[in-house]
């Protein structure tokens, strides 16, 4: 047994248009068992003001503002870094 959650996740993103980078911190997302125990990992959530970044376990990045989807694009995990 051990921890399956993490509240110290770092995300670095780079704008395709401007080339500007953003570094955010956040936490992991999981499904939960009926007793409240975290179970299956489903991704990461990072918040920047009223912008919410969610990266799914498949690499899908979704950025929302006030529940309106601004970005939805498939990425690839790079485990070499």
PDB file of N, CA and C in Angstrom:
ATOM      1  N   UNK A   1       0.841  -1.174   0.000  1.00  0.00           N
ATOM      2  CA  UNK A   1       0.000   0.000   0.000  1.00  0.00           C
ATOM      3  C   UNK A   1       0.888   1.239   0.000  1.00  0.00           C
ATOM      4  N   UNK A   2       0.311   2.338  -0.392  1.00  0.00           N
ATOM      5  CA  UNK A   2       1.040   3.603  -0.431  1.00  0.00           C
ATOM      6  C   UNK A   2       0.182   4.666  -1.080  1.00  0.00           C
ATOM      7  N   UNK A   3       0.765   5.808  -1.273  1.00  0.00           N
ATOM      8  CA  UNK A   3       0.038   6.905  -1.899  1.00  0.00           C
ATOM      9  C   UNK A   3      -0.061   6.700  -3.402  1.00  0.00           C
ATOM     10  N   UNK A   4      -1.241   6.933  -3.948  1.00  0.00           N
ATOM     11  CA  UNK A   4      -1.422   6.877  -5.400  1.00  0.00           C
ATOM     12  C   UNK A   4      -1.728   8.264  -5.953  1.00  0.00           C
ATOM     13  N   UNK A   5      -1.829   9.247  -5.070  1.00  0.00           N
ATOM     14  CA  UNK A   5      -2.109  10.610  -5.504  1.00  0.00           C
ATOM     15  C   UNK A   5      -0.869  11.478  -5.324  1.00  0.00           C
ATOM     16  N   UNK A   6      -0.854  12.612  -6.014  1.00  0.00           N
ATOM     17  CA  UNK A   6       0.256  13.554  -5.880  1.00  0.00           C
ATOM     18  C   UNK A   6      -0.298  14.968  -5.996  1.00  0.00           C
ATOM     19  N   UNK A   7       0.046  15.816  -5.054  1.00  0.00           N
ATOM     20  CA  UNK A   7      -0.394  17.209  -5.068  1.00  0.00           C
ATOM     21  C   UNK A   7       0.721  18.159  -5.495  1.00  0.00           C
ATOM     22  N   UNK A   8       1.787  17.628  -6.084  1.00  0.00           N
ATOM     23  CA  UNK A   8       2.928  18.453  -6.489  1.00  0.00           C
ATOM     24  C   UNK A   8       3.365  18.072  -7.901  1.00  0.00           C
ATOM     25  N   UNK A   9       2.505  18.344  -8.867  1.00  0.00           N
ATOM     26  CA  UNK A   9       2.767  18.039 -10.272  1.00  0.00           C
ATOM     27  C   UNK A   9       3.162  19.334 -10.971  1.00  0.00           C
ATOM     28  N   UNK A  10       4.168  19.294 -11.838  1.00  0.00           N
ATOM     29  CA  UNK A  10       4.585  20.469 -12.599  1.00  0.00           C
ATOM     30  C   UNK A  10       4.348  20.237 -14.083  1.00  0.00           C
ATOM     31  N   UNK A  11       3.765  21.239 -14.735  1.00  0.00           N
ATOM     32  CA  UNK A  11       3.471  21.209 -16.170  1.00  0.00           C
ATOM     33  C   UNK A  11       4.175  22.391 -16.823  1.00  0.00           C
ATOM     34  N   UNK A  12       4.885  22.133 -17.912  1.00  0.00           N
ATOM     35  CA  UNK A  12       5.476  23.194 -18.716  1.00  0.00           C
ATOM     36  C   UNK A  12       4.848  23.137 -20.090  1.00  0.00           C
ATOM     37  N   UNK A  13       4.228  24.222 -20.503  1.00  0.00           N
ATOM     38  CA  UNK A  13       3.590  24.291 -21.813  1.00  0.00           C
ATOM     39  C   UNK A  13       4.201  25.404 -22.634  1.00  0.00           C
ATOM     40  N   UNK A  14       4.179  25.224 -23.963  1.00  0.00           N
ATOM     41  CA  UNK A  14       4.734  26.227 -24.868  1.00  0.00           C
ATOM     42  C   UNK A  14       3.700  26.550 -25.929  1.00  0.00           C
ATOM     43  N   UNK A  15       3.392  27.833 -26.088  1.00  0.00           N
ATOM     44  CA  UNK A  15       2.422  28.279 -27.081  1.00  0.00           C
ATOM     45  C   UNK A  15       2.959  28.040 -28.483  1.00  0.00           C
ATOM     46  N   UNK A  16       2.135  27.423 -29.338  1.00  0.00           N
ATOM     47  CA  UNK A  16       2.529  27.213 -30.731  1.00  0.00           C
ATOM     48  C   UNK A  16       2.578  28.538 -31.485  1.00  0.00           C
ATOM     49  N   UNK A  17       1.747  29.479 -31.084  1.00  0.00           N
ATOM     50  CA  UNK A  17       1.686  30.779 -31.767  1.00  0.00           C
ATOM     51  C   UNK A  17       2.810  31.712 -31.345  1.00  0.00           C
ATOM     52  N   UNK A  18       2.938  31.953 -30.057  1.00  0.00           N
ATOM     53  CA  UNK A  18       3.886  32.964 -29.572  1.00  0.00           C
ATOM     54  C   UNK A  18       5.234  32.393 -29.147  1.00  0.00           C
ATOM     55  N   UNK A  19       5.255  31.103 -28.821  1.00  0.00           N
ATOM     56  CA  UNK A  19       6.477  30.501 -28.308  1.00  0.00           C
ATOM     57  C   UNK A  19       6.670  30.725 -26.816  1.00  0.00           C
ATOM     58  N   UNK A  20       5.769  31.476 -26.188  1.00  0.00           N
ATOM     59  CA  UNK A  20       5.855  31.726 -24.746  1.00  0.00           C
ATOM     60  C   UNK A  20       5.628  30.437 -23.971  1.00  0.00           C
ATOM     61  N   UNK A  21       6.339  30.318 -22.847  1.00  0.00           N
ATOM     62  CA  UNK A  21       6.186  29.143 -21.991  1.00  0.00           C
ATOM     63  C   UNK A  21       5.413  29.494 -20.732  1.00  0.00           C
ATOM     64  N   UNK A  22       4.733  28.494 -20.200  1.00  0.00           N
ATOM     65  CA  UNK A  22       4.018  28.632 -18.934  1.00  0.00           C
ATOM     66  C   UNK A  22       4.372  27.424 -18.076  1.00  0.00           C
ATOM     67  N   UNK A  23       4.605  27.670 -16.800  1.00  0.00           N
ATOM     68  CA  UNK A  23       4.889  26.591 -15.851  1.00  0.00           C
ATOM     69  C   UNK A  23       3.812  26.640 -14.774  1.00  0.00           C
ATOM     70  N   UNK A  24       3.111  25.522 -14.604  1.00  0.00           N
ATOM     71  CA  UNK A  24       2.019  25.436 -13.637  1.00  0.00           C
ATOM     72  C   UNK A  24       2.247  24.267 -12.694  1.00  0.00           C
ATOM     73  N   UNK A  25       1.685  24.354 -11.510  1.00  0.00           N
ATOM     74  CA  UNK A  25       1.687  23.220 -10.591  1.00  0.00           C
ATOM     75  C   UNK A  25       0.246  22.786 -10.366  1.00  0.00           C
ATOM     76  N   UNK A  26       0.081  21.515 -10.057  1.00  0.00           N
ATOM     77  CA  UNK A  26      -1.261  20.986  -9.856  1.00  0.00           C
ATOM     78  C   UNK A  26      -1.223  19.655  -9.143  1.00  0.00           C
ATOM     79  N   UNK A  27      -2.216  18.805  -9.465  1.00  0.00           N
ATOM     80  CA  UNK A  27      -2.354  17.523  -8.770  1.00  0.00           C
ATOM     81  C   UNK A  27      -2.875  16.455  -9.732  1.00  0.00           C
ATOM     82  N   UNK A  28      -2.757  15.216  -9.295  1.00  0.00           N
ATOM     83  CA  UNK A  28      -3.264  14.100 -10.088  1.00  0.00           C
ATOM     84  C   UNK A  28      -4.771  13.972  -9.918  1.00  0.00           C
ATOM     85  N   UNK A  29      -5.410  13.350 -10.916  1.00  0.00           N
ATOM     86  CA  UNK A  29      -6.845  13.055 -10.879  1.00  0.00           C
ATOM     87  C   UNK A  29      -7.029  11.545 -10.871  1.00  0.00           C
ATOM     88  N   UNK A  30      -7.998  11.085 -10.102  1.00  0.00           N
ATOM     89  CA  UNK A  30      -8.253   9.652  -9.964  1.00  0.00           C
ATOM     90  C   UNK A  30      -9.747   9.390  -9.891  1.00  0.00           C
ATOM     91  N   UNK A  31     -10.130   8.165 -10.228  1.00  0.00           N
ATOM     92  CA  UNK A  31     -11.470   7.721  -9.861  1.00  0.00           C
ATOM     93  C   UNK A  31     -11.400   7.358  -8.380  1.00  0.00           C
ATOM     94  N   UNK A  32     -12.551   7.272  -7.749  1.00  0.00           N
ATOM     95  CA  UNK A  32     -12.584   6.958  -6.321  1.00  0.00           C
ATOM     96  C   UNK A  32     -13.509   5.782  -6.056  1.00  0.00           C
ATOM     97  N   UNK A  33     -13.107   4.957  -5.104  1.00  0.00           N
ATOM     98  CA  UNK A  33     -13.943   3.850  -4.662  1.00  0.00           C
ATOM     99  C   UNK A  33     -15.079   4.392  -3.802  1.00  0.00           C
ATOM    100  N   UNK A  34     -16.061   3.566  -3.524  1.00  0.00           N
ATOM    101  CA  UNK A  34     -17.225   4.010  -2.743  1.00  0.00           C
ATOM    102  C   UNK A  34     -16.851   4.489  -1.343  1.00  0.00           C
ATOM    103  N   UNK A  35     -15.713   4.019  -0.820  1.00  0.00           N
ATOM    104  CA  UNK A  35     -15.285   4.462   0.512  1.00  0.00           C
ATOM    105  C   UNK A  35     -14.419   5.727   0.462  1.00  0.00           C
ATOM    106  N   UNK A  36     -14.249   6.303  -0.742  1.00  0.00           N
ATOM    107  CA  UNK A  36     -13.472   7.528  -0.892  1.00  0.00           C
ATOM    108  C   UNK A  36     -12.004   7.317  -1.186  1.00  0.00           C
ATOM    109  N   UNK A  37     -11.575   6.069  -1.291  1.00  0.00           N
ATOM    110  CA  UNK A  37     -10.183   5.759  -1.584  1.00  0.00           C
ATOM    111  C   UNK A  37      -9.883   6.028  -3.055  1.00  0.00           C
ATOM    112  N   UNK A  38      -8.791   6.777  -3.359  1.00  0.00           N
ATOM    113  CA  UNK A  38      -8.426   6.993  -4.758  1.00  0.00           C
ATOM    114  C   UNK A  38      -8.087   5.665  -5.423  1.00  0.00           C
ATOM    115  N   UNK A  39      -8.480   5.536  -6.681  1.00  0.00           N
ATOM    116  CA  UNK A  39      -8.286   4.266  -7.373  1.00  0.00           C
ATOM    117  C   UNK A  39      -7.498   4.465  -8.663  1.00  0.00           C
ATOM    118  N   UNK A  40      -8.157   4.514  -9.782  1.00  0.00           N
ATOM    119  CA  UNK A  40      -7.495   4.532 -11.084  1.00  0.00           C
ATOM    120  C   UNK A  40      -7.052   5.949 -11.452  1.00  0.00           C
ATOM    121  N   UNK A  41      -5.787   6.087 -11.852  1.00  0.00           N
ATOM    122  CA  UNK A  41      -5.249   7.367 -12.312  1.00  0.00           C
ATOM    123  C   UNK A  41      -5.912   7.743 -13.632  1.00  0.00           C
ATOM    124  N   UNK A  42      -6.400   8.997 -13.748  1.00  0.00           N
ATOM    125  CA  UNK A  42      -7.024   9.435 -15.003  1.00  0.00           C
ATOM    126  C   UNK A  42      -6.387  10.695 -15.580  1.00  0.00           C
ATOM    127  N   UNK A  43      -5.452  11.318 -14.868  1.00  0.00           N
ATOM    128  CA  UNK A  43      -4.778  12.479 -15.436  1.00  0.00           C
ATOM    129  C   UNK A  43      -4.311  13.478 -14.399  1.00  0.00           C
ATOM    130  N   UNK A  44      -4.142  14.722 -14.872  1.00  0.00           N
ATOM    131  CA  UNK A  44      -3.630  15.807 -14.043  1.00  0.00           C
ATOM    132  C   UNK A  44      -4.524  17.030 -14.189  1.00  0.00           C
ATOM    133  N   UNK A  45      -4.609  17.830 -13.136  1.00  0.00           N
ATOM    134  CA  UNK A  45      -5.329  19.103 -13.199  1.00  0.00           C
ATOM    135  C   UNK A  45      -4.427  20.202 -12.658  1.00  0.00           C
ATOM    136  N   UNK A  46      -4.345  21.297 -13.430  1.00  0.00           N
ATOM    137  CA  UNK A  46      -3.528  22.444 -13.052  1.00  0.00           C
ATOM    138  C   UNK A  46      -4.368  23.693 -13.262  1.00  0.00           C
ATOM    139  N   UNK A  47      -4.262  24.658 -12.359  1.00  0.00           N
ATOM    140  CA  UNK A  47      -5.105  25.847 -12.424  1.00  0.00           C
ATOM    141  C   UNK A  47      -4.227  27.091 -12.494  1.00  0.00           C
ATOM    142  N   UNK A  48      -4.590  28.005 -13.399  1.00  0.00           N
ATOM    143  CA  UNK A  48      -3.914  29.287 -13.556  1.00  0.00           C
ATOM    144  C   UNK A  48      -4.997  30.361 -13.597  1.00  0.00           C
ATOM    145  N   UNK A  49      -5.299  30.949 -12.439  1.00  0.00           N
ATOM    146  CA  UNK A  49      -6.411  31.904 -12.371  1.00  0.00           C
ATOM    147  C   UNK A  49      -7.719  31.192 -12.650  1.00  0.00           C
ATOM    148  N   UNK A  50      -8.450  31.666 -13.659  1.00  0.00           N
ATOM    149  CA  UNK A  50      -9.705  30.990 -14.008  1.00  0.00           C
ATOM    150  C   UNK A  50      -9.543  30.034 -15.187  1.00  0.00           C
ATOM    151  N   UNK A  51      -8.292  29.741 -15.554  1.00  0.00           N
ATOM    152  CA  UNK A  51      -7.999  28.752 -16.590  1.00  0.00           C
ATOM    153  C   UNK A  51      -7.694  27.416 -15.921  1.00  0.00           C
ATOM    154  N   UNK A  52      -8.331  26.354 -16.380  1.00  0.00           N
ATOM    155  CA  UNK A  52      -8.103  25.014 -15.843  1.00  0.00           C
ATOM    156  C   UNK A  52      -7.519  24.150 -16.954  1.00  0.00           C
ATOM    157  N   UNK A  53      -6.365  23.568 -16.692  1.00  0.00           N
ATOM    158  CA  UNK A  53      -5.682  22.679 -17.627  1.00  0.00           C
ATOM    159  C   UNK A  53      -5.877  21.256 -17.123  1.00  0.00           C
ATOM    160  N   UNK A  54      -6.403  20.380 -17.961  1.00  0.00           N
ATOM    161  CA  UNK A  54      -6.537  18.969 -17.613  1.00  0.00           C
ATOM    162  C   UNK A  54      -5.803  18.168 -18.672  1.00  0.00           C
ATOM    163  N   UNK A  55      -4.913  17.302 -18.230  1.00  0.00           N
ATOM    164  CA  UNK A  55      -4.186  16.409 -19.131  1.00  0.00           C
ATOM    165  C   UNK A  55      -4.596  14.997 -18.768  1.00  0.00           C
ATOM    166  N   UNK A  56      -5.236  14.313 -19.712  1.00  0.00           N
ATOM    167  CA  UNK A  56      -5.717  12.956 -19.442  1.00  0.00           C
ATOM    168  C   UNK A  56      -4.565  11.967 -19.502  1.00  0.00           C
ATOM    169  N   UNK A  57      -4.815  10.760 -19.013  1.00  0.00           N
ATOM    170  CA  UNK A  57      -3.784   9.722 -19.046  1.00  0.00           C
ATOM    171  C   UNK A  57      -3.399   9.357 -20.476  1.00  0.00           C
ATOM    172  N   UNK A  58      -4.241   9.672 -21.456  1.00  0.00           N
ATOM    173  CA  UNK A  58      -3.919   9.399 -22.864  1.00  0.00           C
ATOM    174  C   UNK A  58      -3.159  10.553 -23.514  1.00  0.00           C
ATOM    175  N   UNK A  59      -2.969  11.665 -22.777  1.00  0.00           N
ATOM    176  CA  UNK A  59      -2.233  12.805 -23.303  1.00  0.00           C
ATOM    177  C   UNK A  59      -3.101  13.901 -23.891  1.00  0.00           C
ATOM    178  N   UNK A  60      -4.418  13.817 -23.736  1.00  0.00           N
ATOM    179  CA  UNK A  60      -5.318  14.846 -24.247  1.00  0.00           C
ATOM    180  C   UNK A  60      -5.274  16.062 -23.322  1.00  0.00           C
ATOM    181  N   UNK A  61      -4.891  17.218 -23.885  1.00  0.00           N
ATOM    182  CA  UNK A  61      -4.852  18.470 -23.130  1.00  0.00           C
ATOM    183  C   UNK A  61      -6.142  19.230 -23.389  1.00  0.00           C
ATOM    184  N   UNK A  62      -6.842  19.587 -22.322  1.00  0.00           N
ATOM    185  CA  UNK A  62      -8.045  20.410 -22.424  1.00  0.00           C
ATOM    186  C   UNK A  62      -7.858  21.615 -21.517  1.00  0.00           C
ATOM    187  N   UNK A  63      -8.002  22.807 -22.104  1.00  0.00           N
ATOM    188  CA  UNK A  63      -7.907  24.046 -21.334  1.00  0.00           C
ATOM    189  C   UNK A  63      -9.274  24.702 -21.360  1.00  0.00           C
ATOM    190  N   UNK A  64      -9.793  25.012 -20.173  1.00  0.00           N
ATOM    191  CA  UNK A  64     -11.105  25.650 -20.083  1.00  0.00           C
ATOM    192  C   UNK A  64     -11.006  26.945 -19.282  1.00  0.00           C
ATOM    193  N   UNK A  65     -11.952  27.837 -19.552  1.00  0.00           N
ATOM    194  CA  UNK A  65     -12.120  29.057 -18.776  1.00  0.00           C
ATOM    195  C   UNK A  65     -13.613  29.206 -18.541  1.00  0.00           C
ATOM    196  N   UNK A  66     -14.011  29.236 -17.288  1.00  0.00           N
ATOM    197  CA  UNK A  66     -15.435  29.293 -16.939  1.00  0.00           C
ATOM    198  C   UNK A  66     -16.220  28.178 -17.631  1.00  0.00           C
ATOM    199  N   UNK A  67     -15.660  26.984 -17.649  1.00  0.00           N
ATOM    200  CA  UNK A  67     -16.253  25.769 -18.235  1.00  0.00           C
ATOM    201  C   UNK A  67     -16.384  25.830 -19.761  1.00  0.00           C
ATOM    202  N   UNK A  68     -15.808  26.837 -20.402  1.00  0.00           N
ATOM    203  CA  UNK A  68     -15.805  26.934 -21.863  1.00  0.00           C
ATOM    204  C   UNK A  68     -14.473  26.382 -22.368  1.00  0.00           C
ATOM    205  N   UNK A  69     -14.525  25.444 -23.312  1.00  0.00           N
ATOM    206  CA  UNK A  69     -13.310  24.811 -23.824  1.00  0.00           C
ATOM    207  C   UNK A  69     -12.589  25.767 -24.770  1.00  0.00           C
ATOM    208  N   UNK A  70     -11.328  26.078 -24.447  1.00  0.00           N
ATOM    209  CA  UNK A  70     -10.502  26.952 -25.272  1.00  0.00           C
ATOM    210  C   UNK A  70      -9.537  26.161 -26.141  1.00  0.00           C
ATOM    211  N   UNK A  71      -9.011  25.079 -25.590  1.00  0.00           N
ATOM    212  CA  UNK A  71      -8.041  24.229 -26.292  1.00  0.00           C
ATOM    213  C   UNK A  71      -8.388  22.788 -26.003  1.00  0.00           C
ATOM    214  N   UNK A  72      -8.334  21.977 -27.039  1.00  0.00           N
ATOM    215  CA  UNK A  72      -8.488  20.531 -26.865  1.00  0.00           C
ATOM    216  C   UNK A  72      -7.621  19.884 -27.933  1.00  0.00           C
ATOM    217  N   UNK A  73      -6.491  19.335 -27.508  1.00  0.00           N
ATOM    218  CA  UNK A  73      -5.589  18.729 -28.482  1.00  0.00           C
ATOM    219  C   UNK A  73      -4.865  17.535 -27.884  1.00  0.00           C
ATOM    220  N   UNK A  74      -4.593  16.586 -28.740  1.00  0.00           N
ATOM    221  CA  UNK A  74      -3.907  15.366 -28.334  1.00  0.00           C
ATOM    222  C   UNK A  74      -2.409  15.601 -28.338  1.00  0.00           C
ATOM    223  N   UNK A  75      -1.765  15.216 -27.264  1.00  0.00           N
ATOM    224  CA  UNK A  75      -0.318  15.308 -27.169  1.00  0.00           C
ATOM    225  C   UNK A  75       0.281  13.919 -27.042  1.00  0.00           C
ATOM    226  N   UNK A  76       1.579  13.887 -26.874  1.00  0.00           N
ATOM    227  CA  UNK A  76       2.300  12.633 -26.687  1.00  0.00           C
ATOM    228  C   UNK A  76       3.139  12.745 -25.429  1.00  0.00           C
ATOM    229  N   UNK A  77       3.180  11.672 -24.657  1.00  0.00           N
ATOM    230  CA  UNK A  77       4.024  11.645 -23.475  1.00  0.00           C
ATOM    231  C   UNK A  77       5.463  11.450 -23.902  1.00  0.00           C
ATOM    232  N   UNK A  78       6.379  12.207 -23.301  1.00  0.00           N
ATOM    233  CA  UNK A  78       7.807  12.057 -23.532  1.00  0.00           C
ATOM    234  C   UNK A  78       8.437  11.699 -22.196  1.00  0.00           C
ATOM    235  N   UNK A  79       8.681  10.423 -22.002  1.00  0.00           N
ATOM    236  CA  UNK A  79       9.199   9.932 -20.724  1.00  0.00           C
ATOM    237  C   UNK A  79      10.720  10.013 -20.643  1.00  0.00           C
ATOM    238  N   UNK A  80      11.377  10.522 -21.704  1.00  0.00           N
ATOM    239  CA  UNK A  80      12.836  10.540 -21.722  1.00  0.00           C
ATOM    240  C   UNK A  80      13.427  11.681 -20.903  1.00  0.00           C
ATOM    241  N   UNK A  81      12.618  12.632 -20.486  1.00  0.00           N
ATOM    242  CA  UNK A  81      13.150  13.795 -19.758  1.00  0.00           C
ATOM    243  C   UNK A  81      12.992  13.630 -18.277  1.00  0.00           C
TER     244      UNK A  81
END
